[in-house]
mmCIF file of all heavy atoms, coordinates in Angstrom:
data_MODEL
# 
_entry.id   MODEL 
# 
loop_
_atom_site.group_PDB 
_atom_site.id 
_atom_site.type_symbol 
_atom_site.label_atom_id 
_atom_site.label_alt_id 
_atom_site.label_comp_id 
_atom_site.label_asym_id 
_atom_site.label_entity_id 
_atom_site.label_seq_id 
_atom_site.pdbx_PDB_ins_code 
_atom_site.Cartn_x 
_atom_site.Cartn_y 
_atom_site.Cartn_z 
_atom_site.occupancy 
_atom_site.B_iso_or_equiv 
_atom_site.pdbx_formal_charge 
_atom_site.auth_seq_id 
_atom_site.auth_comp_id 
_atom_site.auth_asym_id 
_atom_site.auth_atom_id 
_atom_site.pdbx_PDB_model_num 
ATOM 1   N N   . PRO A 1 1  ? 14.540  3.659  29.610 1.00 0.00 ? 1  PRO A N   1 
ATOM 2   C CA  . PRO A 1 1  ? 13.413  3.874  28.684 1.00 0.00 ? 1  PRO A CA  1 
ATOM 3   C C   . PRO A 1 1  ? 12.081  3.951  29.441 1.00 0.00 ? 1  PRO A C   1 
ATOM 4   O O   . PRO A 1 1  ? 11.211  4.754  28.995 1.00 0.00 ? 1  PRO A O   1 
ATOM 5   C CB  . PRO A 1 1  ? 13.408  2.653  27.850 1.00 0.00 ? 1  PRO A CB  1 
ATOM 6   C CG  . PRO A 1 1  ? 14.261  1.602  28.550 1.00 0.00 ? 1  PRO A CG  1 
ATOM 7   C CD  . PRO A 1 1  ? 15.276  2.441  29.304 1.00 0.00 ? 1  PRO A CD  1 
ATOM 8   N N   . PHE A 1 2  ? 11.940  3.252  30.530 1.00 0.00 ? 2  PHE A N   1 
ATOM 9   C CA  . PHE A 1 2  ? 10.586  3.379  31.181 1.00 0.00 ? 2  PHE A CA  1 
ATOM 10  C C   . PHE A 1 2  ? 10.388  4.780  31.812 1.00 0.00 ? 2  PHE A C   1 
ATOM 11  O O   . PHE A 1 2  ? 9.344   5.357  31.654 1.00 0.00 ? 2  PHE A O   1 
ATOM 12  C CB  . PHE A 1 2  ? 10.417  2.330  32.254 1.00 0.00 ? 2  PHE A CB  1 
ATOM 13  C CG  . PHE A 1 2  ? 9.201   2.574  33.224 1.00 0.00 ? 2  PHE A CG  1 
ATOM 14  C CD1 . PHE A 1 2  ? 8.038   2.371  32.772 1.00 0.00 ? 2  PHE A CD1 1 
ATOM 15  C CD2 . PHE A 1 2  ? 9.484   3.159  34.465 1.00 0.00 ? 2  PHE A CD2 1 
ATOM 16  C CE1 . PHE A 1 2  ? 6.869   2.597  33.596 1.00 0.00 ? 2  PHE A CE1 1 
ATOM 17  C CE2 . PHE A 1 2  ? 8.473   3.387  35.296 1.00 0.00 ? 2  PHE A CE2 1 
ATOM 18  C CZ  . PHE A 1 2  ? 7.097   3.163  34.812 1.00 0.00 ? 2  PHE A CZ  1 
ATOM 19  N N   . LEU A 1 3  ? 11.464  5.293  32.449 1.00 0.00 ? 3  LEU A N   1 
ATOM 20  C CA  . LEU A 1 3  ? 11.333  6.607  33.059 1.00 0.00 ? 3  LEU A CA  1 
ATOM 21  C C   . LEU A 1 3  ? 11.130  7.724  32.042 1.00 0.00 ? 3  LEU A C   1 
ATOM 22  O O   . LEU A 1 3  ? 10.396  8.698  32.195 1.00 0.00 ? 3  LEU A O   1 
ATOM 23  C CB  . LEU A 1 3  ? 12.461  6.889  33.943 1.00 0.00 ? 3  LEU A CB  1 
ATOM 24  C CG  . LEU A 1 3  ? 12.668  5.933  35.223 1.00 0.00 ? 3  LEU A CG  1 
ATOM 25  C CD1 . LEU A 1 3  ? 13.895  6.310  35.977 1.00 0.00 ? 3  LEU A CD1 1 
ATOM 26  C CD2 . LEU A 1 3  ? 11.383  6.219  36.067 1.00 0.00 ? 3  LEU A CD2 1 
ATOM 27  N N   . THR A 1 4  ? 11.859  7.643  30.941 1.00 0.00 ? 4  THR A N   1 
ATOM 28  C CA  . THR A 1 4  ? 11.740  8.546  29.810 1.00 0.00 ? 4  THR A CA  1 
ATOM 29  C C   . THR A 1 4  ? 10.284  8.521  29.296 1.00 0.00 ? 4  THR A C   1 
ATOM 30  O O   . THR A 1 4  ? 9.639   9.544  29.160 1.00 0.00 ? 4  THR A O   1 
ATOM 31  C CB  . THR A 1 4  ? 12.654  8.222  28.551 1.00 0.00 ? 4  THR A CB  1 
ATOM 32  O OG1 . THR A 1 4  ? 13.960  8.348  29.080 1.00 0.00 ? 4  THR A OG1 1 
ATOM 33  C CG2 . THR A 1 4  ? 12.435  9.126  27.435 1.00 0.00 ? 4  THR A CG2 1 
ATOM 34  N N   . THR A 1 5  ? 9.662   7.334  29.094 1.00 0.00 ? 5  THR A N   1 
ATOM 35  C CA  . THR A 1 5  ? 8.313   7.242  28.624 1.00 0.00 ? 5  THR A CA  1 
ATOM 36  C C   . THR A 1 5  ? 7.389   7.715  29.633 1.00 0.00 ? 5  THR A C   1 
ATOM 37  O O   . THR A 1 5  ? 6.402   8.487  29.277 1.00 0.00 ? 5  THR A O   1 
ATOM 38  C CB  . THR A 1 5  ? 8.029   5.804  28.352 1.00 0.00 ? 5  THR A CB  1 
ATOM 39  O OG1 . THR A 1 5  ? 8.917   5.272  27.326 1.00 0.00 ? 5  THR A OG1 1 
ATOM 40  C CG2 . THR A 1 5  ? 6.541   5.547  27.780 1.00 0.00 ? 5  THR A CG2 1 
ATOM 41  N N   . LEU A 1 6  ? 7.534   7.386  30.898 1.00 0.00 ? 6  LEU A N   1 
ATOM 42  C CA  . LEU A 1 6  ? 6.673   7.843  31.901 1.00 0.00 ? 6  LEU A CA  1 
ATOM 43  C C   . LEU A 1 6  ? 6.643   9.432  32.065 1.00 0.00 ? 6  LEU A C   1 
ATOM 44  O O   . LEU A 1 6  ? 5.668   10.010 32.266 1.00 0.00 ? 6  LEU A O   1 
ATOM 45  C CB  . LEU A 1 6  ? 7.063   7.236  33.202 1.00 0.00 ? 6  LEU A CB  1 
ATOM 46  C CG  . LEU A 1 6  ? 6.211   7.627  34.453 1.00 0.00 ? 6  LEU A CG  1 
ATOM 47  C CD1 . LEU A 1 6  ? 4.773   7.109  34.353 1.00 0.00 ? 6  LEU A CD1 1 
ATOM 48  C CD2 . LEU A 1 6  ? 6.822   7.046  35.743 1.00 0.00 ? 6  LEU A CD2 1 
ATOM 49  N N   . ALA A 1 7  ? 7.881   9.987  32.081 1.00 0.00 ? 7  ALA A N   1 
ATOM 50  C CA  . ALA A 1 7  ? 7.949   11.389 32.158 1.00 0.00 ? 7  ALA A CA  1 
ATOM 51  C C   . ALA A 1 7  ? 7.250   12.198 31.100 1.00 0.00 ? 7  ALA A C   1 
ATOM 52  O O   . ALA A 1 7  ? 6.434   13.043 31.389 1.00 0.00 ? 7  ALA A O   1 
ATOM 53  C CB  . ALA A 1 7  ? 9.505   11.764 32.140 1.00 0.00 ? 7  ALA A CB  1 
ATOM 54  N N   . PHE A 1 8  ? 7.432   11.806 29.846 1.00 0.00 ? 8  PHE A N   1 
ATOM 55  C CA  . PHE A 1 8  ? 6.737   12.509 28.805 1.00 0.00 ? 8  PHE A CA  1 
ATOM 56  C C   . PHE A 1 8  ? 5.211   12.212 28.789 1.00 0.00 ? 8  PHE A C   1 
ATOM 57  O O   . PHE A 1 8  ? 4.380   13.056 28.525 1.00 0.00 ? 8  PHE A O   1 
ATOM 58  C CB  . PHE A 1 8  ? 7.229   12.129 27.359 1.00 0.00 ? 8  PHE A CB  1 
ATOM 59  C CG  . PHE A 1 8  ? 8.529   12.993 27.086 1.00 0.00 ? 8  PHE A CG  1 
ATOM 60  C CD1 . PHE A 1 8  ? 9.729   12.444 27.264 1.00 0.00 ? 8  PHE A CD1 1 
ATOM 61  C CD2 . PHE A 1 8  ? 8.388   14.250 26.531 1.00 0.00 ? 8  PHE A CD2 1 
ATOM 62  C CE1 . PHE A 1 8  ? 10.927  13.193 26.951 1.00 0.00 ? 8  PHE A CE1 1 
ATOM 63  C CE2 . PHE A 1 8  ? 9.469   14.998 26.166 1.00 0.00 ? 8  PHE A CE2 1 
ATOM 64  C CZ  . PHE A 1 8  ? 10.769  14.430 26.354 1.00 0.00 ? 8  PHE A CZ  1 
ATOM 65  N N   . ALA A 1 9  ? 4.883   10.921 29.308 1.00 0.00 ? 9  ALA A N   1 
ATOM 66  C CA  . ALA A 1 9  ? 3.395   10.612 29.355 1.00 0.00 ? 9  ALA A CA  1 
ATOM 67  C C   . ALA A 1 9  ? 2.716   11.479 30.466 1.00 0.00 ? 9  ALA A C   1 
ATOM 68  O O   . ALA A 1 9  ? 1.662   12.042 30.075 1.00 0.00 ? 9  ALA A O   1 
ATOM 69  C CB  . ALA A 1 9  ? 3.377   9.159  29.699 1.00 0.00 ? 9  ALA A CB  1 
ATOM 70  N N   . VAL A 1 10 ? 3.290   11.577 31.665 1.00 0.00 ? 10 VAL A N   1 
ATOM 71  C CA  . VAL A 1 10 ? 2.542   12.218 32.675 1.00 0.00 ? 10 VAL A CA  1 
ATOM 72  C C   . VAL A 1 10 ? 2.762   13.703 32.783 1.00 0.00 ? 10 VAL A C   1 
ATOM 73  O O   . VAL A 1 10 ? 1.807   14.505 33.166 1.00 0.00 ? 10 VAL A O   1 
ATOM 74  C CB  . VAL A 1 10 ? 2.926   11.605 34.117 1.00 0.00 ? 10 VAL A CB  1 
ATOM 75  C CG1 . VAL A 1 10 ? 2.516   10.143 34.115 1.00 0.00 ? 10 VAL A CG1 1 
ATOM 76  C CG2 . VAL A 1 10 ? 4.340   11.916 34.383 1.00 0.00 ? 10 VAL A CG2 1 
ATOM 77  N N   . TYR A 1 11 ? 3.866   14.155 32.264 1.00 0.00 ? 11 TYR A N   1 
ATOM 78  C CA  . TYR A 1 11 ? 4.162   15.521 32.274 1.00 0.00 ? 11 TYR A CA  1 
ATOM 79  C C   . TYR A 1 11 ? 3.596   16.336 31.080 1.00 0.00 ? 11 TYR A C   1 
ATOM 80  O O   . TYR A 1 11 ? 3.286   17.569 31.201 1.00 0.00 ? 11 TYR A O   1 
ATOM 81  C CB  . TYR A 1 11 ? 5.689   15.893 32.387 1.00 0.00 ? 11 TYR A CB  1 
ATOM 82  C CG  . TYR A 1 11 ? 6.331   15.579 33.698 1.00 0.00 ? 11 TYR A CG  1 
ATOM 83  C CD1 . TYR A 1 11 ? 7.375   14.745 33.889 1.00 0.00 ? 11 TYR A CD1 1 
ATOM 84  C CD2 . TYR A 1 11 ? 5.830   16.138 34.935 1.00 0.00 ? 11 TYR A CD2 1 
ATOM 85  C CE1 . TYR A 1 11 ? 8.034   14.476 35.050 1.00 0.00 ? 11 TYR A CE1 1 
ATOM 86  C CE2 . TYR A 1 11 ? 6.443   15.887 36.129 1.00 0.00 ? 11 TYR A CE2 1 
ATOM 87  C CZ  . TYR A 1 11 ? 7.469   15.046 36.185 1.00 0.00 ? 11 TYR A CZ  1 
ATOM 88  O OH  . TYR A 1 11 ? 8.048   14.726 37.404 1.00 0.00 ? 11 TYR A OH  1 
ATOM 89  N N   . VAL A 1 12 ? 3.470   15.737 29.961 1.00 0.00 ? 12 VAL A N   1 
ATOM 90  C CA  . VAL A 1 12 ? 3.175   16.327 28.776 1.00 0.00 ? 12 VAL A CA  1 
ATOM 91  C C   . VAL A 1 12 ? 1.931   15.851 28.067 1.00 0.00 ? 12 VAL A C   1 
ATOM 92  O O   . VAL A 1 12 ? 1.080   16.652 27.711 1.00 0.00 ? 12 VAL A O   1 
ATOM 93  C CB  . VAL A 1 12 ? 4.372   16.296 27.768 1.00 0.00 ? 12 VAL A CB  1 
ATOM 94  C CG1 . VAL A 1 12 ? 4.104   17.132 26.405 1.00 0.00 ? 12 VAL A CG1 1 
ATOM 95  C CG2 . VAL A 1 12 ? 5.660   16.830 28.451 1.00 0.00 ? 12 VAL A CG2 1 
ATOM 96  N N   . VAL A 1 13 ? 1.889   14.588 27.812 1.00 0.00 ? 13 VAL A N   1 
ATOM 97  C CA  . VAL A 1 13 ? 0.935   13.956 26.785 1.00 0.00 ? 13 VAL A CA  1 
ATOM 98  C C   . VAL A 1 13 ? -0.371  13.521 27.376 1.00 0.00 ? 13 VAL A C   1 
ATOM 99  O O   . VAL A 1 13 ? -1.478  14.048 27.052 1.00 0.00 ? 13 VAL A O   1 
ATOM 100 C CB  . VAL A 1 13 ? 1.587   12.875 26.028 1.00 0.00 ? 13 VAL A CB  1 
ATOM 101 C CG1 . VAL A 1 13 ? 0.602   12.364 24.957 1.00 0.00 ? 13 VAL A CG1 1 
ATOM 102 C CG2 . VAL A 1 13 ? 2.903   13.347 25.321 1.00 0.00 ? 13 VAL A CG2 1 
ATOM 103 N N   . VAL A 1 14 ? -0.361  12.535 28.204 1.00 0.00 ? 14 VAL A N   1 
ATOM 104 C CA  . VAL A 1 14 ? -1.514  11.745 28.655 1.00 0.00 ? 14 VAL A CA  1 
ATOM 105 C C   . VAL A 1 14 ? -2.630  12.549 29.331 1.00 0.00 ? 14 VAL A C   1 
ATOM 106 O O   . VAL A 1 14 ? -3.767  12.558 28.929 1.00 0.00 ? 14 VAL A O   1 
ATOM 107 C CB  . VAL A 1 14 ? -1.111  10.470 29.443 1.00 0.00 ? 14 VAL A CB  1 
ATOM 108 C CG1 . VAL A 1 14 ? -2.390  9.745  29.942 1.00 0.00 ? 14 VAL A CG1 1 
ATOM 109 C CG2 . VAL A 1 14 ? -0.289  9.541  28.575 1.00 0.00 ? 14 VAL A CG2 1 
ATOM 110 N N   . PRO A 1 15 ? -2.296  13.283 30.443 1.00 0.00 ? 15 PRO A N   1 
ATOM 111 C CA  . PRO A 1 15 ? -3.354  14.042 31.057 1.00 0.00 ? 15 PRO A CA  1 
ATOM 112 C C   . PRO A 1 15 ? -4.039  15.002 30.191 1.00 0.00 ? 15 PRO A C   1 
ATOM 113 O O   . PRO A 1 15 ? -5.284  15.155 30.172 1.00 0.00 ? 15 PRO A O   1 
ATOM 114 C CB  . PRO A 1 15 ? -2.639  14.771 32.202 1.00 0.00 ? 15 PRO A CB  1 
ATOM 115 C CG  . PRO A 1 15 ? -1.436  13.943 32.442 1.00 0.00 ? 15 PRO A CG  1 
ATOM 116 C CD  . PRO A 1 15 ? -0.939  13.447 31.078 1.00 0.00 ? 15 PRO A CD  1 
ATOM 117 N N   . GLN A 1 16 ? -3.263  15.808 29.320 1.00 0.00 ? 16 GLN A N   1 
ATOM 118 C CA  . GLN A 1 16 ? -3.866  16.719 28.387 1.00 0.00 ? 16 GLN A CA  1 
ATOM 119 C C   . GLN A 1 16 ? -4.726  16.050 27.331 1.00 0.00 ? 16 GLN A C   1 
ATOM 120 O O   . GLN A 1 16 ? -5.813  16.526 26.884 1.00 0.00 ? 16 GLN A O   1 
ATOM 121 C CB  . GLN A 1 16 ? -2.754  17.651 27.788 1.00 0.00 ? 16 GLN A CB  1 
ATOM 122 C CG  . GLN A 1 16 ? -1.959  18.339 28.748 1.00 0.00 ? 16 GLN A CG  1 
ATOM 123 C CD  . GLN A 1 16 ? -2.733  19.407 29.590 1.00 0.00 ? 16 GLN A CD  1 
ATOM 124 O OE1 . GLN A 1 16 ? -3.706  19.887 29.153 1.00 0.00 ? 16 GLN A OE1 1 
ATOM 125 N NE2 . GLN A 1 16 ? -2.266  19.531 30.881 1.00 0.00 ? 16 GLN A NE2 1 
ATOM 126 N N   . ALA A 1 17 ? -4.240  14.895 26.805 1.00 0.00 ? 17 ALA A N   1 
ATOM 127 C CA  . ALA A 1 17 ? -4.962  14.131 25.828 1.00 0.00 ? 17 ALA A CA  1 
ATOM 128 C C   . ALA A 1 17 ? -6.310  13.643 26.292 1.00 0.00 ? 17 ALA A C   1 
ATOM 129 O O   . ALA A 1 17 ? -7.380  13.678 25.709 1.00 0.00 ? 17 ALA A O   1 
ATOM 130 C CB  . ALA A 1 17 ? -4.112  13.053 25.280 1.00 0.00 ? 17 ALA A CB  1 
ATOM 131 N N   . LEU A 1 18 ? -6.249  13.059 27.580 1.00 0.00 ? 18 LEU A N   1 
ATOM 132 C CA  . LEU A 1 18 ? -7.416  12.513 28.164 1.00 0.00 ? 18 LEU A CA  1 
ATOM 133 C C   . LEU A 1 18 ? -8.447  13.602 28.417 1.00 0.00 ? 18 LEU A C   1 
ATOM 134 O O   . LEU A 1 18 ? -9.665  13.373 28.346 1.00 0.00 ? 18 LEU A O   1 
ATOM 135 C CB  . LEU A 1 18 ? -7.120  11.780 29.419 1.00 0.00 ? 18 LEU A CB  1 
ATOM 136 C CG  . LEU A 1 18 ? -6.292  10.439 29.257 1.00 0.00 ? 18 LEU A CG  1 
ATOM 137 C CD1 . LEU A 1 18 ? -5.992  9.866  30.652 1.00 0.00 ? 18 LEU A CD1 1 
ATOM 138 C CD2 . LEU A 1 18 ? -7.138  9.499  28.387 1.00 0.00 ? 18 LEU A CD2 1 
ATOM 139 N N   . LEU A 1 19 ? -7.946  14.786 28.777 1.00 0.00 ? 19 LEU A N   1 
ATOM 140 C CA  . LEU A 1 19 ? -8.810  15.957 29.075 1.00 0.00 ? 19 LEU A CA  1 
ATOM 141 C C   . LEU A 1 19 ? -9.521  16.346 27.840 1.00 0.00 ? 19 LEU A C   1 
ATOM 142 O O   . LEU A 1 19 ? -10.720 16.683 27.823 1.00 0.00 ? 19 LEU A O   1 
ATOM 143 C CB  . LEU A 1 19 ? -8.007  17.014 29.686 1.00 0.00 ? 19 LEU A CB  1 
ATOM 144 C CG  . LEU A 1 19 ? -8.902  18.354 30.054 1.00 0.00 ? 19 LEU A CG  1 
ATOM 145 C CD1 . LEU A 1 19 ? -9.914  17.978 31.131 1.00 0.00 ? 19 LEU A CD1 1 
ATOM 146 C CD2 . LEU A 1 19 ? -7.956  19.466 30.510 1.00 0.00 ? 19 LEU A CD2 1 
ATOM 147 N N   . GLN A 1 20 ? -8.805  16.339 26.714 1.00 0.00 ? 20 GLN A N   1 
ATOM 148 C CA  . GLN A 1 20 ? -9.401  16.729 25.392 1.00 0.00 ? 20 GLN A CA  1 
ATOM 149 C C   . GLN A 1 20 ? -10.502 15.657 25.004 1.00 0.00 ? 20 GLN A C   1 
ATOM 150 O O   . GLN A 1 20 ? -11.519 15.996 24.521 1.00 0.00 ? 20 GLN A O   1 
ATOM 151 C CB  . GLN A 1 20 ? -8.312  16.775 24.366 1.00 0.00 ? 20 GLN A CB  1 
ATOM 152 C CG  . GLN A 1 20 ? -8.884  17.287 22.972 1.00 0.00 ? 20 GLN A CG  1 
ATOM 153 C CD  . GLN A 1 20 ? -9.454  18.714 23.120 1.00 0.00 ? 20 GLN A CD  1 
ATOM 154 O OE1 . GLN A 1 20 ? -8.837  19.652 23.789 1.00 0.00 ? 20 GLN A OE1 1 
ATOM 155 N NE2 . GLN A 1 20 ? -10.640 18.921 22.618 1.00 0.00 ? 20 GLN A NE2 1 
ATOM 156 N N   . ILE A 1 21 ? -10.241 14.398 25.370 1.00 0.00 ? 21 ILE A N   1 
ATOM 157 C CA  . ILE A 1 21 ? -11.219 13.373 25.077 1.00 0.00 ? 21 ILE A CA  1 
ATOM 158 C C   . ILE A 1 21 ? -12.457 13.651 25.844 1.00 0.00 ? 21 ILE A C   1 
ATOM 159 O O   . ILE A 1 21 ? -13.686 13.523 25.410 1.00 0.00 ? 21 ILE A O   1 
ATOM 160 C CB  . ILE A 1 21 ? -10.679 12.030 25.288 1.00 0.00 ? 21 ILE A CB  1 
ATOM 161 C CG1 . ILE A 1 21 ? -9.549  11.730 24.285 1.00 0.00 ? 21 ILE A CG1 1 
ATOM 162 C CG2 . ILE A 1 21 ? -11.814 10.891 25.310 1.00 0.00 ? 21 ILE A CG2 1 
ATOM 163 C CD1 . ILE A 1 21 ? -8.909  10.328 24.598 1.00 0.00 ? 21 ILE A CD1 1 
ATOM 164 N N   . TYR A 1 22 ? -12.270 14.116 27.097 1.00 0.00 ? 22 TYR A N   1 
ATOM 165 C CA  . TYR A 1 22 ? -13.382 14.381 28.039 1.00 0.00 ? 22 TYR A CA  1 
ATOM 166 C C   . TYR A 1 22 ? -14.181 15.531 27.440 1.00 0.00 ? 22 TYR A C   1 
ATOM 167 O O   . TYR A 1 22 ? -15.382 15.497 27.500 1.00 0.00 ? 22 TYR A O   1 
ATOM 168 C CB  . TYR A 1 22 ? -12.743 14.709 29.463 1.00 0.00 ? 22 TYR A CB  1 
ATOM 169 C CG  . TYR A 1 22 ? -13.837 15.212 30.393 1.00 0.00 ? 22 TYR A CG  1 
ATOM 170 C CD1 . TYR A 1 22 ? -14.918 14.436 30.950 1.00 0.00 ? 22 TYR A CD1 1 
ATOM 171 C CD2 . TYR A 1 22 ? -13.781 16.564 30.883 1.00 0.00 ? 22 TYR A CD2 1 
ATOM 172 C CE1 . TYR A 1 22 ? -15.796 14.822 31.833 1.00 0.00 ? 22 TYR A CE1 1 
ATOM 173 C CE2 . TYR A 1 22 ? -14.693 17.078 31.769 1.00 0.00 ? 22 TYR A CE2 1 
ATOM 174 C CZ  . TYR A 1 22 ? -15.660 16.199 32.344 1.00 0.00 ? 22 TYR A CZ  1 
ATOM 175 O OH  . TYR A 1 22 ? -16.625 16.703 33.146 1.00 0.00 ? 22 TYR A OH  1 
ATOM 176 N N   . PHE A 1 23 ? -13.473 16.638 27.024 1.00 0.00 ? 23 PHE A N   1 
ATOM 177 C CA  . PHE A 1 23 ? -14.220 17.785 26.468 1.00 0.00 ? 23 PHE A CA  1 
ATOM 178 C C   . PHE A 1 23 ? -15.004 17.363 25.243 1.00 0.00 ? 23 PHE A C   1 
ATOM 179 O O   . PHE A 1 23 ? -16.160 17.792 25.088 1.00 0.00 ? 23 PHE A O   1 
ATOM 180 C CB  . PHE A 1 23 ? -13.170 18.839 26.029 1.00 0.00 ? 23 PHE A CB  1 
ATOM 181 C CG  . PHE A 1 23 ? -12.555 19.588 27.255 1.00 0.00 ? 23 PHE A CG  1 
ATOM 182 C CD1 . PHE A 1 23 ? -11.208 20.104 27.061 1.00 0.00 ? 23 PHE A CD1 1 
ATOM 183 C CD2 . PHE A 1 23 ? -13.145 19.692 28.463 1.00 0.00 ? 23 PHE A CD2 1 
ATOM 184 C CE1 . PHE A 1 23 ? -10.656 20.756 28.120 1.00 0.00 ? 23 PHE A CE1 1 
ATOM 185 C CE2 . PHE A 1 23 ? -12.530 20.241 29.477 1.00 0.00 ? 23 PHE A CE2 1 
ATOM 186 C CZ  . PHE A 1 23 ? -11.322 20.791 29.310 1.00 0.00 ? 23 PHE A CZ  1 
ATOM 187 N N   . SER A 1 24 ? -14.429 16.602 24.357 1.00 0.00 ? 24 SER A N   1 
ATOM 188 C CA  . SER A 1 24 ? -15.092 16.037 23.112 1.00 0.00 ? 24 SER A CA  1 
ATOM 189 C C   . SER A 1 24 ? -16.400 15.301 23.519 1.00 0.00 ? 24 SER A C   1 
ATOM 190 O O   . SER A 1 24 ? -17.397 15.384 22.839 1.00 0.00 ? 24 SER A O   1 
ATOM 191 C CB  . SER A 1 24 ? -14.235 15.240 22.222 1.00 0.00 ? 24 SER A CB  1 
ATOM 192 O OG  . SER A 1 24 ? -13.157 16.080 21.784 1.00 0.00 ? 24 SER A OG  1 
ATOM 193 N N   . ALA A 1 25 ? -16.228 14.398 24.521 1.00 0.00 ? 25 ALA A N   1 
ATOM 194 C CA  . ALA A 1 25 ? -17.442 13.619 24.847 1.00 0.00 ? 25 ALA A CA  1 
ATOM 195 C C   . ALA A 1 25 ? -18.488 14.468 25.473 1.00 0.00 ? 25 ALA A C   1 
ATOM 196 O O   . ALA A 1 25 ? -19.684 14.161 25.286 1.00 0.00 ? 25 ALA A O   1 
ATOM 197 C CB  . ALA A 1 25 ? -16.946 12.627 25.941 1.00 0.00 ? 25 ALA A CB  1 
ATOM 198 N N   . GLN A 1 26 ? -18.161 15.588 26.129 1.00 0.00 ? 26 GLN A N   1 
ATOM 199 C CA  . GLN A 1 26 ? -19.158 16.444 26.674 1.00 0.00 ? 26 GLN A CA  1 
ATOM 200 C C   . GLN A 1 26 ? -19.997 17.133 25.543 1.00 0.00 ? 26 GLN A C   1 
ATOM 201 O O   . GLN A 1 26 ? -21.153 17.475 25.772 1.00 0.00 ? 26 GLN A O   1 
ATOM 202 C CB  . GLN A 1 26 ? -18.574 17.486 27.584 1.00 0.00 ? 26 GLN A CB  1 
ATOM 203 C CG  . GLN A 1 26 ? -18.142 17.000 28.926 1.00 0.00 ? 26 GLN A CG  1 
ATOM 204 C CD  . GLN A 1 26 ? -17.754 18.125 29.835 1.00 0.00 ? 26 GLN A CD  1 
ATOM 205 O OE1 . GLN A 1 26 ? -16.798 19.017 29.347 1.00 0.00 ? 26 GLN A OE1 1 
ATOM 206 N NE2 . GLN A 1 26 ? -18.231 18.162 31.045 1.00 0.00 ? 26 GLN A NE2 1 
# 
């Protein structure tokens, strides 16, 4: 479960979501 969660987090979800938050803050 940890590796599954980590894979989807770093490959798909978290970096793109954080970038969108950064754009919105700008």
